Amino acid sequence: MEGGRNESGEPAPGFPRTPSAARTMKAAVPFIVYFDGASRGNPGPSAWGVFAPAGRSRNKAIGRATNNEAEWQGFLAALDVAAAAGATDVEVRADSELVLRQFLGTYRVKAAHLAPYLAAAREKARRFKRLSVVHVPRGENREADALANAALDEAVPGRR
């Protein structure tokens, strides 16, 4: 199936049938950004990684933190990367089910020290016309994970 058409040349299910619909569909493509956090020890040396298009990927070692703190900081960084890119329609993807569900309100934030992260994320989310968060399997988040671990490797040489 190439160009959204099946073998007989008809538009595939889910693809627009007219050229004007195709232009509309293209305009609605979200800015997709992935994040991950990593901690060697819990708490321990920690970092986050954000994988984004067009050279916008970032990572940072954050010192001693829990894995949840690293994940939350990665989420906040992903929102900042999308905002800096001028995105208005954003899709954040991650393998951190806890952070994503806490952000959506499906899970409560029980640890008081994580509440400011949730408040900051909700404030940053207001910058976008549309924001969706998607839980992905760990294998689909490899690039963000690699970025987080690269930041850790630089900050803590010899500890992998």
C-alpha atoms as a PDB file:
ATOM      1  CA  MET A   1       0.000   0.000   0.000  1.00  0.00           C
ATOM      2  CA  GLU A   2       1.827   3.054  -1.255  1.00  0.00           C
ATOM      3  CA  GLY A   3       0.617   6.638  -1.039  1.00  0.00           C
ATOM      4  CA  GLY A   4      -2.506   5.558   0.851  1.00  0.00           C
ATOM      5  CA  ARG A   5      -3.869   3.428  -2.000  1.00  0.00           C
ATOM      6  CA  ASN A   6      -4.485  -0.310  -2.126  1.00  0.00           C
ATOM      7  CA  GLU A   7      -3.455  -2.662  -4.949  1.00  0.00           C
ATOM      8  CA  SER A   8      -6.471  -1.687  -7.107  1.00  0.00           C
ATOM      9  CA  GLY A   9      -5.661   2.035  -6.836  1.00  0.00           C
ATOM     10  CA  GLU A  10      -8.531   2.884  -4.472  1.00  0.00           C
ATOM     11  CA  PRO A  11      -7.861   4.949  -1.360  1.00  0.00           C
ATOM     12  CA  ALA A  12      -7.044   2.672   1.566  1.00  0.00           C
ATOM     13  CA  PRO A  13      -9.366   2.741   4.588  1.00  0.00           C
ATOM     14  CA  GLY A  14      -8.592   5.792   6.701  1.00  0.00           C
ATOM     15  CA  PHE A  15      -7.035   7.720   3.805  1.00  0.00           C
ATOM     16  CA  PRO A  16      -8.816  10.665   2.194  1.00  0.00           C
ATOM     17  CA  ARG A  17     -10.564  10.154  -1.140  1.00  0.00           C
ATOM     18  CA  THR A  18     -10.090  13.659  -2.569  1.00  0.00           C
ATOM     19  CA  PRO A  19      -7.004  15.856  -3.051  1.00  0.00           C
ATOM     20  CA  SER A  20      -8.481  18.604  -0.858  1.00  0.00           C
ATOM     21  CA  ALA A  21      -9.092  16.074   1.920  1.00  0.00           C
ATOM     22  CA  ALA A  22      -5.475  14.941   1.540  1.00  0.00           C
ATOM     23  CA  ARG A  23      -4.256  18.509   2.102  1.00  0.00           C
ATOM     24  CA  THR A  24      -6.479  18.811   5.164  1.00  0.00           C
ATOM     25  CA  MET A  25      -5.187  15.519   6.514  1.00  0.00           C
ATOM     26  CA  LYS A  26      -1.568  16.592   6.033  1.00  0.00           C
ATOM     27  CA  ALA A  27      -2.181  19.846   7.898  1.00  0.00           C
ATOM     28  CA  ALA A  28      -3.520  17.895  10.888  1.00  0.00           C
ATOM     29  CA  VAL A  29      -0.354  15.820  11.427  1.00  0.00           C
ATOM     30  CA  PRO A  30       0.802  16.329  15.013  1.00  0.00           C
ATOM     31  CA  PHE A  31       4.322  17.076  16.204  1.00  0.00           C
ATOM     32  CA  ILE A  32       5.356  13.735  17.702  1.00  0.00           C
ATOM     33  CA  VAL A  33       7.860  13.708  20.543  1.00  0.00           C
ATOM     34  CA  TYR A  34       9.102  10.830  22.718  1.00  0.00           C
ATOM     35  CA  PHE A  35      10.554  11.038  26.226  1.00  0.00           C
ATOM     36  CA  ASP A  36      12.145   8.734  28.759  1.00  0.00           C
ATOM     37  CA  GLY A  37      13.783   8.984  32.146  1.00  0.00           C
ATOM     38  CA  ALA A  38      16.523   6.805  33.570  1.00  0.00           C
ATOM     39  CA  SER A  39      17.913   6.270  37.027  1.00  0.00           C
ATOM     40  CA  ARG A  40      20.769   4.044  38.132  1.00  0.00           C
ATOM     41  CA  GLY A  41      19.543   3.287  41.585  1.00  0.00           C
ATOM     42  CA  ASN A  42      16.248   4.542  42.897  1.00  0.00           C
ATOM     43  CA  PRO A  43      17.168   7.166  43.874  1.00  0.00           C
ATOM     44  CA  GLY A  44      20.481   7.459  42.094  1.00  0.00           C
ATOM     45  CA  PRO A  45      22.173   9.259  39.232  1.00  0.00           C
ATOM     46  CA  SER A  46      19.394  10.153  36.804  1.00  0.00           C
ATOM     47  CA  ALA A  47      18.746  11.710  33.409  1.00  0.00           C
ATOM     48  CA  TRP A  48      16.069  12.236  30.806  1.00  0.00           C
ATOM     49  CA  GLY A  49      16.019  12.009  27.024  1.00  0.00           C
ATOM     50  CA  VAL A  50      13.667  13.551  24.473  1.00  0.00           C
ATOM     51  CA  PHE A  51      13.569  12.255  20.901  1.00  0.00           C
ATOM     52  CA  ALA A  52      12.020  14.733  18.469  1.00  0.00           C
ATOM     53  CA  PRO A  53      12.138  15.444  14.727  1.00  0.00           C
ATOM     54  CA  ALA A  54      14.479  17.767  12.855  1.00  0.00           C
ATOM     55  CA  GLY A  55      17.406  17.835  15.266  1.00  0.00           C
ATOM     56  CA  ARG A  56      15.322  18.862  18.253  1.00  0.00           C
ATOM     57  CA  SER A  57      16.261  15.849  20.416  1.00  0.00           C
ATOM     58  CA  ARG A  58      17.673  16.688  23.847  1.00  0.00           C
ATOM     59  CA  ASN A  59      19.001  14.954  26.942  1.00  0.00           C
ATOM     60  CA  LYS A  60      20.233  15.997  30.352  1.00  0.00           C
ATOM     61  CA  ALA A  61      21.695  14.447  33.479  1.00  0.00           C
ATOM     62  CA  ILE A  62      19.771  15.734  36.500  1.00  0.00           C
ATOM     63  CA  GLY A  63      21.832  14.437  39.421  1.00  0.00           C
ATOM     64  CA  ARG A  64      20.406  12.207  42.126  1.00  0.00           C
ATOM     65  CA  ALA A  65      16.687  11.517  41.634  1.00  0.00           C
ATOM     66  CA  THR A  66      14.159   8.717  41.531  1.00  0.00           C
ATOM     67  CA  ASN A  67      13.144   7.120  38.264  1.00  0.00           C
ATOM     68  CA  ASN A  68       9.709   8.770  38.555  1.00  0.00           C
ATOM     69  CA  GLU A  69      11.318  12.197  38.956  1.00  0.00           C
ATOM     70  CA  ALA A  70      13.484  11.548  35.876  1.00  0.00           C
ATOM     71  CA  GLU A  71      10.403  10.471  33.886  1.00  0.00           C
ATOM     72  CA  TRP A  72       8.463  13.581  34.933  1.00  0.00           C
ATOM     73  CA  GLN A  73      11.363  15.863  34.035  1.00  0.00           C
ATOM     74  CA  GLY A  74      11.559  14.124  30.656  1.00  0.00           C
ATOM     75  CA  PHE A  75       7.856  14.783  30.096  1.00  0.00           C
ATOM     76  CA  LEU A  76       8.290  18.473  30.940  1.00  0.00           C
ATOM     77  CA  ALA A  77      11.284  18.669  28.592  1.00  0.00           C
ATOM     78  CA  ALA A  78       9.252  17.032  25.800  1.00  0.00           C
ATOM     79  CA  LEU A  79       6.582  19.712  26.200  1.00  0.00           C
ATOM     80  CA  ASP A  80       9.266  22.414  26.085  1.00  0.00           C
ATOM     81  CA  VAL A  81      10.772  20.936  22.895  1.00  0.00           C
ATOM     82  CA  ALA A  82       7.352  20.907  21.212  1.00  0.00           C
ATOM     83  CA  ALA A  83       6.668  24.499  22.271  1.00  0.00           C
ATOM     84  CA  ALA A  84      10.088  25.661  21.055  1.00  0.00           C
ATOM     85  CA  ALA A  85       9.307  24.053  17.687  1.00  0.00           C
ATOM     86  CA  GLY A  86       6.159  26.171  17.465  1.00  0.00           C
ATOM     87  CA  ALA A  87       3.922  23.109  17.501  1.00  0.00           C
ATOM     88  CA  THR A  88       0.232  23.558  18.263  1.00  0.00           C
ATOM     89  CA  ASP A  89      -0.887  19.949  17.729  1.00  0.00           C
ATOM     90  CA  VAL A  90       1.341  17.682  19.832  1.00  0.00           C
ATOM     91  CA  GLU A  91       1.474  13.972  20.526  1.00  0.00           C
ATOM     92  CA  VAL A  92       3.754  12.908  23.379  1.00  0.00           C
ATOM     93  CA  ARG A  93       4.756   9.252  23.400  1.00  0.00           C
ATOM     94  CA  ALA A  94       6.467   7.346  26.208  1.00  0.00           C
ATOM     95  CA  ASP A  95       6.719   3.981  27.894  1.00  0.00           C
ATOM     96  CA  SER A  96       6.073   5.538  31.315  1.00  0.00           C
ATOM     97  CA  GLU A  97       2.509   4.464  31.933  1.00  0.00           C
ATOM     98  CA  LEU A  98       2.610   5.957  35.440  1.00  0.00           C
ATOM     99  CA  VAL A  99       3.500   9.499  34.337  1.00  0.00           C
ATOM    100  CA  LEU A 100       1.073   9.489  31.426  1.00  0.00           C
ATOM    101  CA  ARG A 101      -1.812   8.200  33.539  1.00  0.00           C
ATOM    102  CA  GLN A 102      -1.035  10.638  36.333  1.00  0.00           C
ATOM    103  CA  PHE A 103      -1.055  13.465  33.790  1.00  0.00           C
ATOM    104  CA  LEU A 104      -4.415  12.295  32.407  1.00  0.00           C
ATOM    105  CA  GLY A 105      -5.854  11.951  35.914  1.00  0.00           C
ATOM    106  CA  THR A 106      -6.403   8.199  35.627  1.00  0.00           C
ATOM    107  CA  TYR A 107      -3.918   7.687  38.476  1.00  0.00           C
ATOM    108  CA  ARG A 108      -3.557   9.969  41.469  1.00  0.00           C
ATOM    109  CA  VAL A 109      -0.200  11.483  42.325  1.00  0.00           C
ATOM    110  CA  LYS A 110       0.287  10.007  45.798  1.00  0.00           C
ATOM    111  CA  ALA A 111       3.875  11.167  46.371  1.00  0.00           C
ATOM    112  CA  ALA A 112       3.742  14.831  47.398  1.00  0.00           C
ATOM    113  CA  HIS A 113       7.142  15.588  45.826  1.00  0.00           C
ATOM    114  CA  LEU A 114       5.735  14.657  42.368  1.00  0.00           C
ATOM    115  CA  ALA A 115       2.729  17.005  42.557  1.00  0.00           C
ATOM    116  CA  PRO A 116       4.706  20.057  41.325  1.00  0.00           C
ATOM    117  CA  TYR A 117       5.654  18.112  38.179  1.00  0.00           C
ATOM    118  CA  LEU A 118       2.001  17.433  37.431  1.00  0.00           C
ATOM    119  CA  ALA A 119       1.103  21.084  38.002  1.00  0.00           C
ATOM    120  CA  ALA A 120       3.946  22.219  35.730  1.00  0.00           C
ATOM    121  CA  ALA A 121       2.925  19.746  33.003  1.00  0.00           C
ATOM    122  CA  ARG A 122      -0.674  20.929  33.059  1.00  0.00           C
ATOM    123  CA  GLU A 123       0.473  24.546  32.850  1.00  0.00           C
ATOM    124  CA  LYS A 124       2.802  23.800  29.921  1.00  0.00           C
ATOM    125  CA  ALA A 125       0.026  21.818  28.185  1.00  0.00           C
ATOM    126  CA  ARG A 126      -2.030  25.011  27.915  1.00  0.00           C
ATOM    127  CA  ARG A 127       0.400  26.261  25.262  1.00  0.00           C
ATOM    128  CA  PHE A 128      -0.970  23.793  22.724  1.00  0.00           C
ATOM    129  CA  LYS A 129      -4.196  23.759  20.776  1.00  0.00           C
ATOM    130  CA  ARG A 130      -4.250  19.954  21.013  1.00  0.00           C
ATOM    131  CA  LEU A 131      -2.141  17.643  23.161  1.00  0.00           C
ATOM    132  CA  SER A 132      -2.412  13.888  23.321  1.00  0.00           C
ATOM    133  CA  VAL A 133      -0.303  11.443  25.275  1.00  0.00           C
ATOM    134  CA  VAL A 134       0.249   7.889  24.093  1.00  0.00           C
ATOM    135  CA  HIS A 135       1.707   4.964  25.985  1.00  0.00           C
ATOM    136  CA  VAL A 136       4.041   2.953  23.746  1.00  0.00           C
ATOM    137  CA  PRO A 137       5.906  -0.292  24.396  1.00  0.00           C
ATOM    138  CA  ARG A 138       9.493   0.109  25.572  1.00  0.00           C
ATOM    139  CA  GLY A 139      10.766  -1.048  22.166  1.00  0.00           C
ATOM    140  CA  GLU A 140       9.105   1.910  20.457  1.00  0.00           C
ATOM    141  CA  ASN A 141      10.836   4.326  22.829  1.00  0.00           C
ATOM    142  CA  ARG A 142      14.417   3.202  22.157  1.00  0.00           C
ATOM    143  CA  GLU A 143      15.708   6.550  20.926  1.00  0.00           C
ATOM    144  CA  ALA A 144      14.550   8.504  23.984  1.00  0.00           C
ATOM    145  CA  ASP A 145      15.883   5.756  26.265  1.00  0.00           C
ATOM    146  CA  ALA A 146      19.252   5.844  24.496  1.00  0.00           C
ATOM    147  CA  LEU A 147      19.420   9.623  24.905  1.00  0.00           C
ATOM    148  CA  ALA A 148      18.673   9.385  28.636  1.00  0.00           C
ATOM    149  CA  ASN A 149      21.317   6.707  29.101  1.00  0.00           C
ATOM    150  CA  ALA A 150      23.867   8.659  27.043  1.00  0.00           C
ATOM    151  CA  ALA A 151      23.414  11.610  29.410  1.00  0.00           C
ATOM    152  CA  LEU A 152      23.936   9.255  32.351  1.00  0.00           C
ATOM    153  CA  ASP A 153      27.041   7.733  30.758  1.00  0.00           C
ATOM    154  CA  GLU A 154      28.566  11.201  30.364  1.00  0.00           C
ATOM    155  CA  ALA A 155      27.672  12.224  33.917  1.00  0.00           C
ATOM    156  CA  VAL A 156      28.734   8.965  35.555  1.00  0.00           C
ATOM    157  CA  PRO A 157      31.609   7.501  33.525  1.00  0.00           C
ATOM    158  CA  GLY A 158      32.212   3.787  33.911  1.00  0.00           C
ATOM    159  CA  ARG A 159      28.760   3.062  35.363  1.00  0.00           C
ATOM    160  CA  ARG A 160      26.552   1.332  32.846  1.00  0.00           C
END
